[in-house]
Amino acid sequence: MASATPVIVYPPAEDGGRRIRIGDHFVGIAYRVTDIAAYVQEAGLQDWDEMDVVRSGLIEWRGGGPEAWEH
């Protein structure tokens, strides 16, 4: 994953899951910030953790920030 690749976290669904897109690809559903960190790690940023996800300008949060997990 290039450092300029956007990560989009979509609004929570009814079950609290949030779709995650990295670049042009949907990579899965996250139910907590640690899930997003795992997807970003799989995409190439192995040293990222949940604090990196919360603080990064690379992450675009739609429908609420990292604290929003309910529909």
PDB file of N, CA and C in Angstrom:
ATOM      1  N   MET A   1       0.851  -1.173   0.000  1.00  0.00           N
ATOM      2  CA  MET A   1       0.000   0.000   0.000  1.00  0.00           C
ATOM      3  C   MET A   1       0.889   1.226   0.000  1.00  0.00           C
ATOM      4  N   ALA A   2       0.717   2.064  -0.957  1.00  0.00           N
ATOM      5  CA  ALA A   2       1.472   3.309  -0.983  1.00  0.00           C
ATOM      6  C   ALA A   2       0.947   4.231   0.099  1.00  0.00           C
ATOM      7  N   SER A   3       1.804   5.076   0.638  1.00  0.00           N
ATOM      8  CA  SER A   3       1.381   5.943   1.724  1.00  0.00           C
ATOM      9  C   SER A   3       0.297   6.924   1.298  1.00  0.00           C
ATOM     10  N   ALA A   4       0.129   7.151  -0.001  1.00  0.00           N
ATOM     11  CA  ALA A   4      -0.894   8.078  -0.477  1.00  0.00           C
ATOM     12  C   ALA A   4      -2.206   7.377  -0.820  1.00  0.00           C
ATOM     13  N   THR A   5      -2.279   6.053  -0.649  1.00  0.00           N
ATOM     14  CA  THR A   5      -3.495   5.307  -0.958  1.00  0.00           C
ATOM     15  C   THR A   5      -4.564   5.644   0.070  1.00  0.00           C
ATOM     16  N   PRO A   6      -5.706   6.145  -0.378  1.00  0.00           N
ATOM     17  CA  PRO A   6      -6.750   6.510   0.591  1.00  0.00           C
ATOM     18  C   PRO A   6      -7.430   5.285   1.178  1.00  0.00           C
ATOM     19  N   VAL A   7      -7.765   5.408   2.449  1.00  0.00           N
ATOM     20  CA  VAL A   7      -8.544   4.395   3.156  1.00  0.00           C
ATOM     21  C   VAL A   7      -9.861   5.055   3.531  1.00  0.00           C
ATOM     22  N   ILE A   8     -10.967   4.477   3.097  1.00  0.00           N
ATOM     23  CA  ILE A   8     -12.278   5.049   3.406  1.00  0.00           C
ATOM     24  C   ILE A   8     -13.016   4.085   4.322  1.00  0.00           C
ATOM     25  N   VAL A   9     -13.504   4.631   5.425  1.00  0.00           N
ATOM     26  CA  VAL A   9     -14.304   3.883   6.384  1.00  0.00           C
ATOM     27  C   VAL A   9     -15.726   4.412   6.250  1.00  0.00           C
ATOM     28  N   TYR A  10     -16.621   3.558   5.800  1.00  0.00           N
ATOM     29  CA  TYR A  10     -18.005   3.964   5.536  1.00  0.00           C
ATOM     30  C   TYR A  10     -18.836   3.966   6.817  1.00  0.00           C
ATOM     31  N   PRO A  11     -19.996   4.627   6.799  1.00  0.00           N
ATOM     32  CA  PRO A  11     -20.839   4.702   7.995  1.00  0.00           C
ATOM     33  C   PRO A  11     -21.243   3.323   8.504  1.00  0.00           C
ATOM     34  N   PRO A  12     -21.535   3.230   9.794  1.00  0.00           N
ATOM     35  CA  PRO A  12     -21.930   1.950  10.365  1.00  0.00           C
ATOM     36  C   PRO A  12     -23.221   1.411   9.749  1.00  0.00           C
ATOM     37  N   ALA A  13     -23.244   0.108   9.510  1.00  0.00           N
ATOM     38  CA  ALA A  13     -24.454  -0.581   9.056  1.00  0.00           C
ATOM     39  C   ALA A  13     -25.300  -0.903  10.291  1.00  0.00           C
ATOM     40  N   GLU A  14     -26.427  -1.526  10.074  1.00  0.00           N
ATOM     41  CA  GLU A  14     -27.308  -1.860  11.187  1.00  0.00           C
ATOM     42  C   GLU A  14     -26.645  -2.745  12.234  1.00  0.00           C
ATOM     43  N   ASP A  15     -25.728  -3.609  11.805  1.00  0.00           N
ATOM     44  CA  ASP A  15     -25.040  -4.498  12.750  1.00  0.00           C
ATOM     45  C   ASP A  15     -23.800  -3.859  13.369  1.00  0.00           C
ATOM     46  N   GLY A  16     -23.530  -2.587  13.050  1.00  0.00           N
ATOM     47  CA  GLY A  16     -22.375  -1.883  13.596  1.00  0.00           C
ATOM     48  C   GLY A  16     -21.117  -2.013  12.769  1.00  0.00           C
ATOM     49  N   GLY A  17     -21.132  -2.876  11.761  1.00  0.00           N
ATOM     50  CA  GLY A  17     -19.961  -3.042  10.904  1.00  0.00           C
ATOM     51  C   GLY A  17     -19.808  -1.875   9.947  1.00  0.00           C
ATOM     52  N   ARG A  18     -18.581  -1.554   9.631  1.00  0.00           N
ATOM     53  CA  ARG A  18     -18.284  -0.467   8.697  1.00  0.00           C
ATOM     54  C   ARG A  18     -17.466  -1.032   7.547  1.00  0.00           C
ATOM     55  N   ARG A  19     -17.943  -0.798   6.304  1.00  0.00           N
ATOM     56  CA  ARG A  19     -17.197  -1.259   5.128  1.00  0.00           C
ATOM     57  C   ARG A  19     -15.900  -0.470   5.032  1.00  0.00           C
ATOM     58  N   ILE A  20     -14.850  -1.153   4.589  1.00  0.00           N
ATOM     59  CA  ILE A  20     -13.530  -0.539   4.462  1.00  0.00           C
ATOM     60  C   ILE A  20     -13.070  -0.659   3.019  1.00  0.00           C
ATOM     61  N   ARG A  21     -12.670   0.471   2.458  1.00  0.00           N
ATOM     62  CA  ARG A  21     -12.105   0.486   1.110  1.00  0.00           C
ATOM     63  C   ARG A  21     -10.698   1.049   1.186  1.00  0.00           C
ATOM     64  N   ILE A  22      -9.771   0.355   0.548  1.00  0.00           N
ATOM     65  CA  ILE A  22      -8.403   0.839   0.429  1.00  0.00           C
ATOM     66  C   ILE A  22      -8.133   0.992  -1.052  1.00  0.00           C
ATOM     67  N   GLY A  23      -7.878   2.220  -1.471  1.00  0.00           N
ATOM     68  CA  GLY A  23      -7.730   2.509  -2.894  1.00  0.00           C
ATOM     69  C   GLY A  23      -9.034   2.231  -3.603  1.00  0.00           C
ATOM     70  N   ASP A  24      -8.995   1.407  -4.619  1.00  0.00           N
ATOM     71  CA  ASP A  24     -10.182   1.078  -5.410  1.00  0.00           C
ATOM     72  C   ASP A  24     -10.860  -0.214  -4.973  1.00  0.00           C
ATOM     73  N   HIS A  25     -10.415  -0.819  -3.872  1.00  0.00           N
ATOM     74  CA  HIS A  25     -10.905  -2.146  -3.489  1.00  0.00           C
ATOM     75  C   HIS A  25     -11.549  -2.153  -2.107  1.00  0.00           C
ATOM     76  N   PHE A  26     -12.743  -2.750  -2.035  1.00  0.00           N
ATOM     77  CA  PHE A  26     -13.336  -3.019  -0.734  1.00  0.00           C
ATOM     78  C   PHE A  26     -12.606  -4.213  -0.149  1.00  0.00           C
ATOM     79  N   VAL A  27     -12.123  -4.052   1.083  1.00  0.00           N
ATOM     80  CA  VAL A  27     -11.313  -5.109   1.687  1.00  0.00           C
ATOM     81  C   VAL A  27     -12.051  -5.873   2.778  1.00  0.00           C
ATOM     82  N   GLY A  28     -13.185  -5.349   3.238  1.00  0.00           N
ATOM     83  CA  GLY A  28     -13.932  -6.076   4.252  1.00  0.00           C
ATOM     84  C   GLY A  28     -14.767  -5.174   5.124  1.00  0.00           C
ATOM     85  N   ILE A  29     -15.225  -5.755   6.232  1.00  0.00           N
ATOM     86  CA  ILE A  29     -16.061  -5.077   7.207  1.00  0.00           C
ATOM     87  C   ILE A  29     -15.292  -5.028   8.526  1.00  0.00           C
ATOM     88  N   ALA A  30     -15.284  -3.865   9.152  1.00  0.00           N
ATOM     89  CA  ALA A  30     -14.640  -3.707  10.452  1.00  0.00           C
ATOM     90  C   ALA A  30     -15.705  -3.471  11.512  1.00  0.00           C
ATOM     91  N   TYR A  31     -15.463  -4.017  12.692  1.00  0.00           N
ATOM     92  CA  TYR A  31     -16.357  -3.835  13.831  1.00  0.00           C
ATOM     93  C   TYR A  31     -15.684  -3.073  14.968  1.00  0.00           C
ATOM     94  N   ARG A  32     -14.409  -2.740  14.761  1.00  0.00           N
ATOM     95  CA  ARG A  32     -13.651  -1.946  15.727  1.00  0.00           C
ATOM     96  C   ARG A  32     -12.402  -1.419  15.029  1.00  0.00           C
ATOM     97  N   VAL A  33     -11.749  -0.474  15.658  1.00  0.00           N
ATOM     98  CA  VAL A  33     -10.558   0.153  15.073  1.00  0.00           C
ATOM     99  C   VAL A  33      -9.452  -0.871  14.845  1.00  0.00           C
ATOM    100  N   THR A  34      -9.333  -1.856  15.705  1.00  0.00           N
ATOM    101  CA  THR A  34      -8.285  -2.872  15.517  1.00  0.00           C
ATOM    102  C   THR A  34      -8.489  -3.658  14.231  1.00  0.00           C
ATOM    103  N   ASP A  35      -9.750  -3.827  13.800  1.00  0.00           N
ATOM    104  CA  ASP A  35     -10.012  -4.490  12.515  1.00  0.00           C
ATOM    105  C   ASP A  35      -9.472  -3.647  11.364  1.00  0.00           C
ATOM    106  N   ILE A  36      -9.665  -2.340  11.440  1.00  0.00           N
ATOM    107  CA  ILE A  36      -9.151  -1.451  10.386  1.00  0.00           C
ATOM    108  C   ILE A  36      -7.628  -1.526  10.361  1.00  0.00           C
ATOM    109  N   ALA A  37      -7.011  -1.520  11.526  1.00  0.00           N
ATOM    110  CA  ALA A  37      -5.547  -1.633  11.588  1.00  0.00           C
ATOM    111  C   ALA A  37      -5.085  -2.916  10.908  1.00  0.00           C
ATOM    112  N   ALA A  38      -5.807  -4.013  11.099  1.00  0.00           N
ATOM    113  CA  ALA A  38      -5.432  -5.283  10.467  1.00  0.00           C
ATOM    114  C   ALA A  38      -5.525  -5.192   8.945  1.00  0.00           C
ATOM    115  N   TYR A  39      -6.576  -4.561   8.431  1.00  0.00           N
ATOM    116  CA  TYR A  39      -6.708  -4.406   6.978  1.00  0.00           C
ATOM    117  C   TYR A  39      -5.577  -3.542   6.416  1.00  0.00           C
ATOM    118  N   VAL A  40      -5.231  -2.476   7.118  1.00  0.00           N
ATOM    119  CA  VAL A  40      -4.150  -1.599   6.662  1.00  0.00           C
ATOM    120  C   VAL A  40      -2.813  -2.343   6.704  1.00  0.00           C
ATOM    121  N   GLN A  41      -2.611  -3.158   7.732  1.00  0.00           N
ATOM    122  CA  GLN A  41      -1.390  -3.964   7.818  1.00  0.00           C
ATOM    123  C   GLN A  41      -1.292  -4.929   6.646  1.00  0.00           C
ATOM    124  N   GLU A  42      -2.405  -5.585   6.316  1.00  0.00           N
ATOM    125  CA  GLU A  42      -2.423  -6.516   5.178  1.00  0.00           C
ATOM    126  C   GLU A  42      -2.136  -5.797   3.866  1.00  0.00           C
ATOM    127  N   ALA A  43      -2.488  -4.509   3.808  1.00  0.00           N
ATOM    128  CA  ALA A  43      -2.268  -3.727   2.595  1.00  0.00           C
ATOM    129  C   ALA A  43      -0.839  -3.199   2.492  1.00  0.00           C
ATOM    130  N   GLY A  44      -0.017  -3.442   3.524  1.00  0.00           N
ATOM    131  CA  GLY A  44       1.385  -3.082   3.395  1.00  0.00           C
ATOM    132  C   GLY A  44       1.972  -2.220   4.488  1.00  0.00           C
ATOM    133  N   LEU A  45       1.178  -1.731   5.395  1.00  0.00           N
ATOM    134  CA  LEU A  45       1.712  -0.918   6.492  1.00  0.00           C
ATOM    135  C   LEU A  45       1.728  -1.768   7.759  1.00  0.00           C
ATOM    136  N   GLN A  46       2.638  -2.737   7.794  1.00  0.00           N
ATOM    137  CA  GLN A  46       2.674  -3.732   8.854  1.00  0.00           C
ATOM    138  C   GLN A  46       2.880  -3.161  10.250  1.00  0.00           C
ATOM    139  N   ASP A  47       3.514  -2.018  10.355  1.00  0.00           N
ATOM    140  CA  ASP A  47       3.801  -1.469  11.684  1.00  0.00           C
ATOM    141  C   ASP A  47       2.686  -0.585  12.225  1.00  0.00           C
ATOM    142  N   TRP A  48       1.580  -0.469  11.518  1.00  0.00           N
ATOM    143  CA  TRP A  48       0.463   0.354  11.993  1.00  0.00           C
ATOM    144  C   TRP A  48      -0.317  -0.364  13.081  1.00  0.00           C
ATOM    145  N   ASP A  49      -0.804   0.428  14.047  1.00  0.00           N
ATOM    146  CA  ASP A  49      -1.706  -0.102  15.062  1.00  0.00           C
ATOM    147  C   ASP A  49      -2.944   0.782  15.121  1.00  0.00           C
ATOM    148  N   GLU A  50      -3.809   0.528  16.091  1.00  0.00           N
ATOM    149  CA  GLU A  50      -5.065   1.278  16.144  1.00  0.00           C
ATOM    150  C   GLU A  50      -4.855   2.774  16.376  1.00  0.00           C
ATOM    151  N   MET A  51      -3.808   3.163  17.085  1.00  0.00           N
ATOM    152  CA  MET A  51      -3.550   4.601  17.287  1.00  0.00           C
ATOM    153  C   MET A  51      -3.149   5.273  15.974  1.00  0.00           C
ATOM    154  N   ASP A  52      -2.418   4.580  15.130  1.00  0.00           N
ATOM    155  CA  ASP A  52      -2.072   5.129  13.816  1.00  0.00           C
ATOM    156  C   ASP A  52      -3.341   5.343  12.993  1.00  0.00           C
ATOM    157  N   VAL A  53      -4.262   4.393  13.070  1.00  0.00           N
ATOM    158  CA  VAL A  53      -5.525   4.503  12.330  1.00  0.00           C
ATOM    159  C   VAL A  53      -6.307   5.720  12.809  1.00  0.00           C
ATOM    160  N   VAL A  54      -6.412   5.891  14.104  1.00  0.00           N
ATOM    161  CA  VAL A  54      -7.191   6.991  14.671  1.00  0.00           C
ATOM    162  C   VAL A  54      -6.583   8.345  14.318  1.00  0.00           C
ATOM    163  N   ARG A  55      -5.271   8.453  14.301  1.00  0.00           N
ATOM    164  CA  ARG A  55      -4.590   9.743  14.105  1.00  0.00           C
ATOM    165  C   ARG A  55      -4.290  10.074  12.645  1.00  0.00           C
ATOM    166  N   SER A  56      -4.337   9.113  11.758  1.00  0.00           N
ATOM    167  CA  SER A  56      -3.852   9.319  10.396  1.00  0.00           C
ATOM    168  C   SER A  56      -4.793  10.166   9.538  1.00  0.00           C
ATOM    169  N   GLY A  57      -4.212  11.034   8.770  1.00  0.00           N
ATOM    170  CA  GLY A  57      -4.954  11.782   7.759  1.00  0.00           C
ATOM    171  C   GLY A  57      -5.225  10.939   6.517  1.00  0.00           C
ATOM    172  N   LEU A  58      -4.630   9.748   6.460  1.00  0.00           N
ATOM    173  CA  LEU A  58      -4.836   8.821   5.351  1.00  0.00           C
ATOM    174  C   LEU A  58      -6.219   8.173   5.413  1.00  0.00           C
ATOM    175  N   ILE A  59      -6.831   8.178   6.596  1.00  0.00           N
ATOM    176  CA  ILE A  59      -8.131   7.544   6.807  1.00  0.00           C
ATOM    177  C   ILE A  59      -9.226   8.586   6.643  1.00  0.00           C
ATOM    178  N   GLU A  60     -10.185   8.293   5.772  1.00  0.00           N
ATOM    179  CA  GLU A  60     -11.361   9.168   5.613  1.00  0.00           C
ATOM    180  C   GLU A  60     -12.534   8.482   6.298  1.00  0.00           C
ATOM    181  N   TRP A  61     -13.016   9.095   7.359  1.00  0.00           N
ATOM    182  CA  TRP A  61     -14.121   8.546   8.139  1.00  0.00           C
ATOM    183  C   TRP A  61     -15.425   9.152   7.638  1.00  0.00           C
ATOM    184  N   ARG A  62     -16.321   8.322   7.176  1.00  0.00           N
ATOM    185  CA  ARG A  62     -17.637   8.788   6.715  1.00  0.00           C
ATOM    186  C   ARG A  62     -18.703   8.309   7.693  1.00  0.00           C
ATOM    187  N   GLY A  63     -19.589   9.216   8.075  1.00  0.00           N
ATOM    188  CA  GLY A  63     -20.659   8.831   8.983  1.00  0.00           C
ATOM    189  C   GLY A  63     -20.194   8.693  10.422  1.00  0.00           C
ATOM    190  N   GLY A  64     -19.183   9.436  10.801  1.00  0.00           N
ATOM    191  CA  GLY A  64     -18.651   9.404  12.161  1.00  0.00           C
ATOM    192  C   GLY A  64     -17.229   8.926  12.178  1.00  0.00           C
ATOM    193  N   GLY A  65     -16.514   9.352  13.205  1.00  0.00           N
ATOM    194  CA  GLY A  65     -15.121   9.006  13.336  1.00  0.00           C
ATOM    195  C   GLY A  65     -14.893   7.639  13.951  1.00  0.00           C
ATOM    196  N   PRO A  66     -13.701   7.440  14.504  1.00  0.00           N
ATOM    197  CA  PRO A  66     -13.338   6.122  15.020  1.00  0.00           C
ATOM    198  C   PRO A  66     -14.159   5.663  16.222  1.00  0.00           C
ATOM    199  N   GLU A  67     -14.917   6.560  16.816  1.00  0.00           N
ATOM    200  CA  GLU A  67     -15.749   6.176  17.960  1.00  0.00           C
ATOM    201  C   GLU A  67     -17.159   5.750  17.549  1.00  0.00           C
ATOM    202  N   ALA A  68     -17.533   5.908  16.283  1.00  0.00           N
ATOM    203  CA  ALA A  68     -18.899   5.632  15.800  1.00  0.00           C
ATOM    204  C   ALA A  68     -19.000   4.212  15.244  1.00  0.00           C
ATOM    205  N   TRP A  69     -19.672   3.332  15.995  1.00  0.00           N
ATOM    206  CA  TRP A  69     -19.828   1.940  15.569  1.00  0.00           C
ATOM    207  C   TRP A  69     -21.265   1.460  15.659  1.00  0.00           C
ATOM    208  N   GLU A  70     -22.200   2.380  15.893  1.00  0.00           N
ATOM    209  CA  GLU A  70     -23.616   2.016  15.956  1.00  0.00           C
ATOM    210  C   GLU A  70     -24.366   2.746  14.870  1.00  0.00           C
ATOM    211  N   HIS A  71     -25.345   2.072  14.311  1.00  0.00           N
ATOM    212  CA  HIS A  71     -26.173   2.626  13.243  1.00  0.00           C
ATOM    213  C   HIS A  71     -27.166   3.617  13.797  1.00  0.00           C
TER     214      HIS A  71
END
